[in-house]
Amino acid sequence: MNSDQAESSPSRDVGQWFEEMTLTRTHWVAGLILFMAFVIESWEMMIIIFSSAAIGAEFDLSTAQIGSLVGAMFLGMIPGALLWGKLSGTLGRKRCMVWSIGLYGLFPIMSAFAPNFESLWGIRFVCGIVLSGALVVTFPYFEELVPVKVRGRATVYLSAGWPLGVLFAIAITVLFMNLGWRWVIGFSSVVSLWALVIHRFVPESPYWLAENGRAQEATETINRLAEKPLVPGTVATPNSELGAISFMSIFERSTLRTTIIQTAINFCFSWGYWGLASWMPTLLAKRGLSAPEGLGFIAVSALFMFPGYISASYLTGKFGRKKIMLIYVFMSAVAGFGFATSGSITEMYTWNFVLSFFSLGAWGVWNTWLGEIYDTRSRGAGAAWGVSAQRVANAAAPVVIGAMLVSSSFMFTVTFISAFLAATFVAATLLPETEGQALR
């Protein structure tokens, strides 16, 4: 496209360019890199759970203290998500990803040398602040790089990084188990190297570039993603002034209802999932499984998450976000209650595999849907607020469920957790469908 063509052609919004774009090798490369970034995020959130028994034994911790330690990272993610949500609008998606993952690598080493419970808790809290940047940015960033026609299916596949991260965490735990929990956690420092890969191969979001008045760079990025110059035209920049990007935009009158609903979904869905995941080794021990058997059970459950994602990816592109989210969350709640009332190990395995299939498939759809319900000006802030709501649940659930495990039955505890999945279903009925629509 020469300068005369650009000057004579009408400007078009970024979303219009992505409506006609096809999937290219550049999309695949960026997608695989961000997929691995999400694997890292999952790995890091799960590794402390698999190490918690050994940490508790060394520091002589109570059940409540172990729950608090598991929740420390998530408590750090609450202010961290809000901070990075603001930074993703001012610094850009790419810089936030690079800085978050790059800096995070310092904290596993610090954790490995922690002399006591209090210092380890503080380190996990701060590393939660740092890692939350990647959690806030990954999905909105990816959605702003892929064509409209494949955005839903592709983003659900990105979510499949979660079970792979779980399997990595299990593998690292088993590999270094004989050396102690400090080696298990300290090894995670290698993840910081992935920041270099993101910096080298993943372009900045053209939506963010256009929103910040950098139309020429946005055009160049679109052409890079398309792997050929598109039809003559230029990228339009918003009419709003550049300073209008604000975290508080998600609380404006036009977006407040959406923010309230997504807050409820993020909190309830995260509680329903994490309340079970964080104490799964203990819940399994209550049913007579040894520690190695428990890890094997979790590993097989993680494998059942993959077909859940694959089916959700196909179905959300065919029937939309809302229908598939509702069906999968409903089946997750049914499976949760089935798991709670299992009368045998066989029934417990069966219901947990059903739960893994549907709950993680639903997470894949939700991770996609959340990035689509706001415009570019508010997308980063909306994702950050949603992650904060998730982390409030992540921090509270291990402590509350830990206390319940001391005084309540297995059935009552798991039934209580599963009730939050039912609440998620109700809240999800209130959001609009976004399948096939260009990002705003």
Protein backbone atom coordinates (compact mmCIF):
# COMPACT_ATOMS: atom_id res chain seq x y z
CA MET A 1 0.00 0.00 0.00
CA ASN A 2 1.60 3.31 -1.06
CA SER A 3 1.08 6.69 0.63
CA ASP A 4 -1.28 8.00 -2.09
CA GLN A 5 -3.57 4.99 -1.63
CA ALA A 6 -3.57 5.41 2.13
CA GLU A 7 -4.47 9.09 1.89
CA SER A 8 -7.34 8.47 -0.55
CA SER A 9 -8.79 5.43 1.25
CA PRO A 10 -11.30 5.75 4.07
CA SER A 11 -10.16 4.82 7.55
CA ARG A 12 -11.50 1.61 9.06
CA ASP A 13 -11.72 0.42 12.65
CA VAL A 14 -9.29 -2.30 13.69
CA GLY A 15 -12.20 -4.70 14.19
CA GLN A 16 -13.22 -4.31 10.54
CA TRP A 17 -9.78 -5.44 9.40
CA PHE A 18 -9.99 -8.52 11.64
CA GLU A 19 -13.41 -9.46 10.25
CA GLU A 20 -11.88 -10.19 6.82
CA MET A 21 -8.52 -11.56 8.01
CA THR A 22 -7.69 -15.26 7.72
CA LEU A 23 -5.59 -17.31 10.14
CA THR A 24 -1.87 -17.21 9.33
CA ARG A 25 1.40 -18.69 10.56
CA THR A 26 2.03 -15.50 12.55
CA HIS A 27 -1.20 -16.08 14.46
CA TRP A 28 -0.17 -19.65 15.21
CA VAL A 29 3.24 -18.59 16.51
CA ALA A 30 1.78 -15.86 18.73
CA GLY A 31 -0.93 -18.24 19.93
CA LEU A 32 1.51 -21.01 20.86
CA ILE A 33 3.73 -18.56 22.74
CA LEU A 34 0.81 -17.13 24.73
CA PHE A 35 -0.49 -20.68 25.26
CA MET A 36 2.80 -21.56 26.95
CA ALA A 37 2.57 -18.36 29.00
CA PHE A 38 -0.75 -19.61 30.37
CA VAL A 39 0.82 -23.03 31.03
CA ILE A 40 3.41 -21.21 33.15
CA GLU A 41 0.71 -19.33 35.06
CA SER A 42 -1.15 -22.58 35.81
CA TRP A 43 2.06 -24.38 36.80
CA GLU A 44 2.99 -21.63 39.24
CA MET A 45 -0.43 -21.50 40.89
CA MET A 46 -0.56 -25.27 41.39
CA ILE A 47 3.01 -25.97 42.50
CA ILE A 48 2.46 -24.55 45.99
CA ILE A 49 -0.54 -26.86 46.47
CA PHE A 50 1.47 -29.97 45.62
CA SER A 51 4.28 -28.79 47.91
CA SER A 52 2.03 -27.70 50.79
CA ALA A 53 2.18 -30.98 52.73
CA ALA A 54 6.01 -30.98 52.76
CA ILE A 55 6.12 -27.29 53.68
CA GLY A 56 3.62 -27.87 56.46
CA ALA A 57 5.70 -30.74 57.83
CA GLU A 58 8.94 -28.70 57.85
CA PHE A 59 7.44 -25.61 59.47
CA ASP A 60 4.96 -27.55 61.67
CA LEU A 61 1.93 -25.74 60.22
CA SER A 62 -1.72 -26.20 61.09
CA THR A 63 -4.35 -26.90 58.44
CA ALA A 64 -5.43 -23.25 58.61
CA GLN A 65 -1.85 -22.04 58.09
CA ILE A 66 -1.41 -24.30 55.05
CA GLY A 67 -4.64 -22.89 53.62
CA SER A 68 -3.37 -19.38 54.30
CA LEU A 69 -0.07 -20.12 52.54
CA VAL A 70 -1.90 -21.47 49.48
CA GLY A 71 -4.03 -18.33 49.49
CA ALA A 72 -1.11 -15.88 49.94
CA MET A 73 -0.29 -15.74 46.25
CA PHE A 74 -3.93 -15.11 45.40
CA LEU A 75 -4.19 -12.34 47.98
CA GLY A 76 -1.25 -10.69 46.23
CA MET A 77 -3.02 -11.02 42.91
CA ILE A 78 -5.93 -8.87 44.11
CA PRO A 79 -4.03 -5.54 44.24
CA GLY A 80 -1.68 -6.85 41.54
CA ALA A 81 -4.50 -7.39 39.05
CA LEU A 82 -5.83 -3.89 39.62
CA LEU A 83 -2.35 -2.44 39.17
CA TRP A 84 -1.62 -4.38 35.98
CA GLY A 85 -5.10 -3.64 34.65
CA LYS A 86 -4.18 0.03 34.70
CA LEU A 87 -0.73 -0.63 33.26
CA SER A 88 -2.11 -2.74 30.39
CA GLY A 89 -3.96 0.35 29.20
CA THR A 90 -0.99 2.70 29.54
CA LEU A 91 2.10 0.56 28.84
CA GLY A 92 0.47 -1.88 26.44
CA ARG A 93 -0.34 -5.59 26.46
CA LYS A 94 3.09 -6.77 25.34
CA ARG A 95 5.19 -4.86 27.87
CA CYS A 96 2.98 -6.06 30.72
CA MET A 97 3.39 -9.70 29.66
CA VAL A 98 7.16 -9.36 29.33
CA TRP A 99 7.68 -7.54 32.62
CA SER A 100 5.30 -9.78 34.59
CA ILE A 101 6.81 -13.10 33.52
CA GLY A 102 10.36 -11.76 33.46
CA LEU A 103 10.24 -10.40 37.01
CA TYR A 104 8.36 -13.40 38.38
CA GLY A 105 11.40 -15.64 37.94
CA LEU A 106 13.06 -14.00 40.94
CA PHE A 107 10.48 -15.22 43.44
CA PRO A 108 10.76 -19.03 43.18
CA ILE A 109 14.46 -18.66 44.12
CA MET A 110 13.53 -16.43 47.06
CA SER A 111 10.85 -18.93 48.12
CA ALA A 112 13.37 -21.77 48.04
CA PHE A 113 15.54 -19.96 50.60
CA ALA A 114 12.70 -18.86 52.91
CA PRO A 115 13.75 -19.56 56.52
CA ASN A 116 10.25 -19.71 58.03
CA PHE A 117 6.52 -19.66 57.35
CA GLU A 118 6.16 -15.90 57.72
CA SER A 119 8.85 -15.02 55.18
CA LEU A 120 7.57 -17.64 52.72
CA TRP A 121 4.03 -16.24 53.06
CA GLY A 122 5.32 -12.72 52.32
CA ILE A 123 7.30 -13.86 49.27
CA ARG A 124 4.29 -15.72 47.86
CA PHE A 125 2.15 -12.62 48.39
CA VAL A 126 4.55 -10.38 46.44
CA CYS A 127 5.03 -12.92 43.65
CA GLY A 128 1.24 -12.94 43.30
CA ILE A 129 1.37 -9.19 42.64
CA VAL A 130 3.99 -9.74 39.93
CA LEU A 131 2.47 -12.80 38.18
CA SER A 132 -1.03 -11.28 38.08
CA GLY A 133 0.16 -9.09 35.19
CA ALA A 134 0.35 -12.10 32.90
CA LEU A 135 -3.01 -13.42 34.15
CA VAL A 136 -4.72 -10.09 33.46
CA VAL A 137 -3.26 -9.63 29.99
CA THR A 138 -2.96 -13.09 28.36
CA PHE A 139 -6.53 -13.58 27.14
CA PRO A 140 -7.42 -10.00 26.12
CA TYR A 141 -4.04 -9.77 24.38
CA PHE A 142 -4.59 -12.99 22.43
CA GLU A 143 -8.14 -12.02 21.43
CA GLU A 144 -6.80 -8.75 20.05
CA LEU A 145 -4.44 -10.64 17.72
CA VAL A 146 -6.69 -13.24 16.05
CA PRO A 147 -9.35 -12.97 13.31
CA VAL A 148 -13.00 -12.67 14.32
CA LYS A 149 -13.96 -15.93 12.58
CA VAL A 150 -11.72 -18.09 14.79
CA ARG A 151 -11.48 -15.96 17.93
CA GLY A 152 -13.83 -18.05 20.06
CA ARG A 153 -12.47 -21.47 19.14
CA ALA A 154 -8.86 -20.31 19.34
CA THR A 155 -9.23 -18.65 22.74
CA VAL A 156 -10.83 -21.76 24.25
CA TYR A 157 -7.83 -23.74 23.03
CA LEU A 158 -5.58 -21.20 24.76
CA SER A 159 -7.37 -22.09 28.00
CA ALA A 160 -6.21 -25.68 27.56
CA GLY A 161 -2.86 -24.48 28.87
CA TRP A 162 -4.31 -24.87 32.38
CA PRO A 163 -4.33 -28.70 32.57
CA LEU A 164 -0.94 -28.84 30.84
CA GLY A 165 0.38 -26.53 33.57
CA VAL A 166 -1.15 -28.83 36.18
CA LEU A 167 0.64 -31.80 34.61
CA PHE A 168 3.91 -29.85 34.53
CA ALA A 169 3.50 -29.04 38.23
CA ILE A 170 2.86 -32.70 39.03
CA ALA A 171 5.87 -33.79 36.96
CA ILE A 172 8.20 -31.27 38.64
CA THR A 173 6.88 -32.32 42.06
CA VAL A 174 7.57 -35.98 41.35
CA LEU A 175 10.96 -35.22 39.74
CA PHE A 176 12.31 -33.22 42.69
CA MET A 177 10.25 -34.77 45.50
CA ASN A 178 13.24 -36.63 46.97
CA LEU A 179 15.26 -33.39 47.08
CA GLY A 180 12.57 -31.53 49.00
CA TRP A 181 9.98 -28.83 48.39
CA ARG A 182 12.60 -26.07 48.04
CA TRP A 183 13.88 -27.68 44.83
CA VAL A 184 10.33 -28.18 43.57
CA ILE A 185 9.49 -24.49 43.94
CA GLY A 186 12.94 -23.10 43.11
CA PHE A 187 13.02 -24.81 39.71
CA SER A 188 10.17 -22.52 38.61
CA SER A 189 12.63 -19.66 38.21
CA VAL A 190 13.34 -20.91 34.68
CA VAL A 191 9.96 -19.56 33.53
CA SER A 192 11.33 -16.01 33.43
CA LEU A 193 13.21 -16.91 30.23
CA TRP A 194 9.88 -17.13 28.39
CA ALA A 195 9.63 -13.33 28.59
CA LEU A 196 12.39 -13.16 25.96
CA VAL A 197 10.35 -15.32 23.58
CA ILE A 198 7.27 -13.10 24.01
CA HIS A 199 9.34 -9.98 23.41
CA ARG A 200 10.85 -11.40 20.22
CA PHE A 201 7.90 -13.06 18.49
CA VAL A 202 4.56 -11.61 19.68
CA PRO A 203 3.49 -8.21 18.27
CA GLU A 204 1.73 -5.52 20.28
CA SER A 205 -2.07 -5.45 20.06
CA PRO A 206 -3.20 -3.32 17.10
CA TYR A 207 -6.37 -2.50 19.05
CA TRP A 208 -4.26 -0.98 21.82
CA LEU A 209 -2.02 0.83 19.34
CA ALA A 210 -5.00 2.39 17.58
CA GLU A 211 -6.63 3.31 20.90
CA ASN A 212 -3.45 5.17 21.80
CA GLY A 213 -3.26 7.10 18.54
CA ARG A 214 -0.49 4.97 16.96
CA ALA A 215 -2.37 4.25 13.72
CA GLN A 216 0.69 3.62 11.58
CA GLU A 217 2.05 1.00 13.98
CA ALA A 218 -1.41 -0.58 14.20
CA THR A 219 -1.52 -0.82 10.40
CA GLU A 220 1.94 -2.39 10.28
CA THR A 221 0.96 -4.94 12.93
CA ILE A 222 -2.24 -5.86 11.09
CA ASN A 223 -0.27 -6.42 7.90
CA ARG A 224 2.27 -8.48 9.84
CA LEU A 225 -0.49 -10.68 11.23
CA ALA A 226 -2.17 -11.01 7.82
CA GLU A 227 1.25 -11.77 6.27
CA LYS A 228 0.36 -9.57 3.30
CA PRO A 229 -0.79 -5.99 2.78
CA LEU A 230 -4.56 -5.85 3.14
CA VAL A 231 -6.79 -3.85 0.80
CA PRO A 232 -5.79 -0.17 0.76
CA GLY A 233 -6.91 1.73 3.81
CA THR A 234 -5.76 3.12 7.10
CA VAL A 235 -6.59 2.25 10.70
CA ALA A 236 -8.98 4.65 12.36
CA THR A 237 -8.20 5.97 15.84
CA PRO A 238 -10.99 6.56 18.36
CA ASN A 239 -12.60 9.97 18.59
CA SER A 240 -11.97 10.02 22.34
CA GLU A 241 -8.84 11.72 23.62
CA LEU A 242 -5.91 9.51 24.50
CA GLY A 243 -6.17 10.30 28.17
CA ALA A 244 -9.66 8.82 28.26
CA ILE A 245 -8.31 5.31 28.93
CA SER A 246 -9.24 4.82 32.57
CA PHE A 247 -9.66 1.93 34.94
CA MET A 248 -12.88 3.52 36.17
CA SER A 249 -14.48 3.13 32.73
CA ILE A 250 -15.86 -0.27 33.80
CA PHE A 251 -17.96 1.49 36.45
CA GLU A 252 -19.55 3.97 34.08
CA ARG A 253 -23.29 3.83 33.60
CA SER A 254 -23.01 2.03 30.25
CA THR A 255 -20.81 -0.76 31.64
CA LEU A 256 -21.75 -1.03 35.33
CA ARG A 257 -24.35 -3.80 34.85
CA THR A 258 -21.83 -5.90 32.89
CA THR A 259 -19.20 -5.34 35.58
CA ILE A 260 -21.54 -6.46 38.38
CA ILE A 261 -22.54 -9.63 36.52
CA GLN A 262 -19.00 -10.61 35.53
CA THR A 263 -17.83 -10.00 39.11
CA ALA A 264 -20.43 -12.45 40.38
CA ILE A 265 -19.48 -15.04 37.74
CA ASN A 266 -15.75 -14.72 38.39
CA PHE A 267 -16.13 -15.00 42.16
CA CYS A 268 -18.61 -17.88 42.21
CA PHE A 269 -17.00 -19.86 39.40
CA SER A 270 -13.54 -19.49 40.90
CA TRP A 271 -14.76 -20.51 44.36
CA GLY A 272 -16.56 -23.52 42.90
CA TYR A 273 -13.45 -24.67 41.07
CA TRP A 274 -10.64 -23.61 43.40
CA GLY A 275 -12.37 -24.63 46.62
CA LEU A 276 -12.21 -28.18 45.32
CA ALA A 277 -8.82 -28.02 43.53
CA SER A 278 -6.89 -26.48 46.43
CA TRP A 279 -7.87 -29.24 48.86
CA MET A 280 -8.19 -32.14 46.42
CA PRO A 281 -5.15 -34.02 47.83
CA THR A 282 -6.64 -33.77 51.34
CA LEU A 283 -10.14 -34.68 50.17
CA LEU A 284 -8.73 -37.73 48.42
CA ALA A 285 -6.76 -38.71 51.52
CA LYS A 286 -10.02 -38.58 53.48
CA ARG A 287 -11.34 -41.20 51.07
CA GLY A 288 -8.33 -43.46 51.63
CA LEU A 289 -5.97 -42.56 48.75
CA SER A 290 -2.25 -42.24 49.51
CA ALA A 291 -0.24 -39.17 48.42
CA PRO A 292 1.13 -40.83 45.22
CA GLU A 293 -2.35 -42.19 44.43
CA GLY A 294 -3.77 -38.71 44.95
CA LEU A 295 -1.29 -37.15 42.49
CA GLY A 296 -2.12 -39.87 39.99
CA PHE A 297 -5.83 -39.16 40.42
CA ILE A 298 -5.26 -35.42 39.80
CA ALA A 299 -3.08 -36.14 36.76
CA VAL A 300 -5.73 -38.35 35.14
CA SER A 301 -8.37 -35.72 35.96
CA ALA A 302 -6.22 -33.14 34.17
CA LEU A 303 -6.16 -35.34 31.07
CA PHE A 304 -9.97 -35.28 31.03
CA MET A 305 -9.82 -31.48 30.86
CA PHE A 306 -8.41 -31.60 27.31
CA PRO A 307 -11.49 -33.14 25.64
CA GLY A 308 -13.57 -30.69 27.67
CA TYR A 309 -11.70 -27.79 26.07
CA ILE A 310 -11.78 -29.34 22.60
CA SER A 311 -15.53 -29.91 22.71
CA ALA A 312 -16.19 -26.44 24.16
CA SER A 313 -14.00 -24.86 21.46
CA TYR A 314 -15.96 -26.52 18.67
CA LEU A 315 -19.38 -25.91 20.21
CA THR A 316 -18.86 -22.26 21.18
CA GLY A 317 -17.95 -21.46 17.56
CA LYS A 318 -21.10 -23.26 16.40
CA PHE A 319 -23.67 -22.28 19.03
CA GLY A 320 -22.15 -19.24 20.77
CA ARG A 321 -20.71 -18.48 24.20
CA LYS A 322 -23.90 -18.31 26.24
CA LYS A 323 -25.53 -21.65 25.44
CA ILE A 324 -22.32 -23.64 25.84
CA MET A 325 -21.28 -21.82 29.02
CA LEU A 326 -24.68 -22.53 30.61
CA ILE A 327 -24.71 -26.19 29.62
CA TYR A 328 -21.16 -26.81 30.81
CA VAL A 329 -21.58 -24.96 34.12
CA PHE A 330 -24.85 -26.81 34.79
CA MET A 331 -23.17 -30.17 34.16
CA SER A 332 -20.26 -29.09 36.39
CA ALA A 333 -22.68 -28.43 39.25
CA VAL A 334 -24.34 -31.82 38.71
CA ALA A 335 -20.94 -33.54 38.68
CA GLY A 336 -19.89 -31.67 41.84
CA PHE A 337 -22.93 -32.91 43.72
CA GLY A 338 -22.34 -36.40 42.31
CA PHE A 339 -18.74 -36.31 43.53
CA ALA A 340 -19.94 -35.22 46.99
CA THR A 341 -22.34 -38.13 47.29
CA SER A 342 -20.08 -40.83 45.81
CA GLY A 343 -20.51 -44.14 47.57
CA SER A 344 -17.39 -45.78 46.21
CA ILE A 345 -13.97 -44.99 44.76
CA THR A 346 -15.29 -45.88 41.28
CA GLU A 347 -18.15 -43.39 41.59
CA MET A 348 -15.75 -40.76 42.93
CA TYR A 349 -13.44 -41.23 39.93
CA THR A 350 -16.33 -41.12 37.47
CA TRP A 351 -17.92 -37.96 38.84
CA ASN A 352 -14.60 -36.15 39.18
CA PHE A 353 -13.73 -36.90 35.56
CA VAL A 354 -17.12 -35.54 34.48
CA LEU A 355 -16.45 -32.48 36.63
CA SER A 356 -13.01 -31.99 35.04
CA PHE A 357 -14.46 -32.27 31.53
CA PHE A 358 -17.29 -29.76 31.97
CA SER A 359 -15.82 -27.29 34.47
CA LEU A 360 -12.64 -26.66 32.48
CA GLY A 361 -14.55 -26.55 29.21
CA ALA A 362 -16.72 -23.87 30.81
CA TRP A 363 -13.59 -21.99 31.95
CA GLY A 364 -12.37 -21.99 28.36
CA VAL A 365 -15.60 -20.39 27.19
CA TRP A 366 -15.60 -17.90 30.05
CA ASN A 367 -12.01 -16.80 29.46
CA THR A 368 -13.09 -16.03 25.90
CA TRP A 369 -16.38 -14.36 26.77
CA LEU A 370 -14.88 -12.09 29.44
CA GLY A 371 -12.49 -10.53 26.93
CA GLU A 372 -15.34 -9.73 24.53
CA ILE A 373 -17.92 -7.98 26.71
CA TYR A 374 -15.98 -4.69 26.98
CA ASP A 375 -14.58 -2.34 24.35
CA THR A 376 -10.82 -1.84 23.89
CA ARG A 377 -10.77 1.14 26.25
CA SER A 378 -12.19 -0.98 29.09
CA ARG A 379 -11.05 -4.51 28.15
CA GLY A 380 -7.87 -4.51 30.20
CA ALA A 381 -9.59 -3.01 33.24
CA GLY A 382 -12.51 -5.43 32.91
CA ALA A 383 -10.20 -8.44 32.76
CA ALA A 384 -8.23 -7.09 35.72
CA TRP A 385 -11.36 -6.62 37.80
CA GLY A 386 -12.51 -10.13 36.90
CA VAL A 387 -9.15 -11.64 37.87
CA SER A 388 -9.33 -9.72 41.18
CA ALA A 389 -12.74 -11.23 41.90
CA GLN A 390 -11.35 -14.68 41.09
CA ARG A 391 -8.42 -14.13 43.43
CA VAL A 392 -10.63 -13.02 46.29
CA ALA A 393 -12.35 -16.40 45.94
CA ASN A 394 -9.00 -18.19 45.47
CA ALA A 395 -7.63 -16.62 48.65
CA ALA A 396 -10.73 -17.18 50.77
CA ALA A 397 -11.73 -20.65 49.58
CA PRO A 398 -8.65 -22.58 50.84
CA VAL A 399 -9.02 -21.04 54.31
CA VAL A 400 -12.80 -21.58 54.56
CA ILE A 401 -12.69 -25.08 53.10
CA GLY A 402 -9.71 -25.93 55.34
CA ALA A 403 -11.78 -25.00 58.39
CA MET A 404 -14.74 -27.00 57.09
CA LEU A 405 -12.60 -30.09 56.57
CA VAL A 406 -11.85 -30.11 60.29
CA SER A 407 -15.48 -29.93 61.42
CA SER A 408 -17.65 -31.06 58.48
CA SER A 409 -18.18 -34.21 56.44
CA PHE A 410 -16.75 -34.82 52.98
CA MET A 411 -20.24 -34.71 51.46
CA PHE A 412 -21.24 -31.42 53.09
CA THR A 413 -17.94 -29.74 52.20
CA VAL A 414 -18.05 -30.67 48.51
CA THR A 415 -21.77 -29.87 48.27
CA PHE A 416 -21.07 -26.41 49.71
CA ILE A 417 -18.35 -25.86 47.09
CA SER A 418 -20.59 -27.04 44.24
CA ALA A 419 -23.37 -24.62 45.22
CA PHE A 420 -21.18 -21.82 43.86
CA LEU A 421 -21.30 -23.45 40.42
CA ALA A 422 -25.09 -23.25 40.54
CA ALA A 423 -24.81 -19.51 41.32
CA THR A 424 -22.47 -19.13 38.34
CA PHE A 425 -25.13 -20.63 36.07
CA VAL A 426 -27.72 -18.09 37.20
CA ALA A 427 -25.39 -15.10 36.68
CA ALA A 428 -24.30 -16.28 33.21
CA THR A 429 -27.89 -16.14 31.94
CA LEU A 430 -27.72 -12.33 32.21
CA LEU A 431 -24.84 -11.61 29.78
CA PRO A 432 -25.23 -10.97 26.02
CA GLU A 433 -23.95 -13.28 23.28
CA THR A 434 -20.72 -12.15 21.54
CA GLU A 435 -19.94 -14.94 19.06
CA GLY A 436 -19.11 -13.66 15.58
CA GLN A 437 -18.95 -10.01 16.60
CA ALA A 438 -15.88 -7.86 16.02
CA LEU A 439 -14.17 -6.53 19.12
CA ARG A 440 -15.09 -2.91 19.81
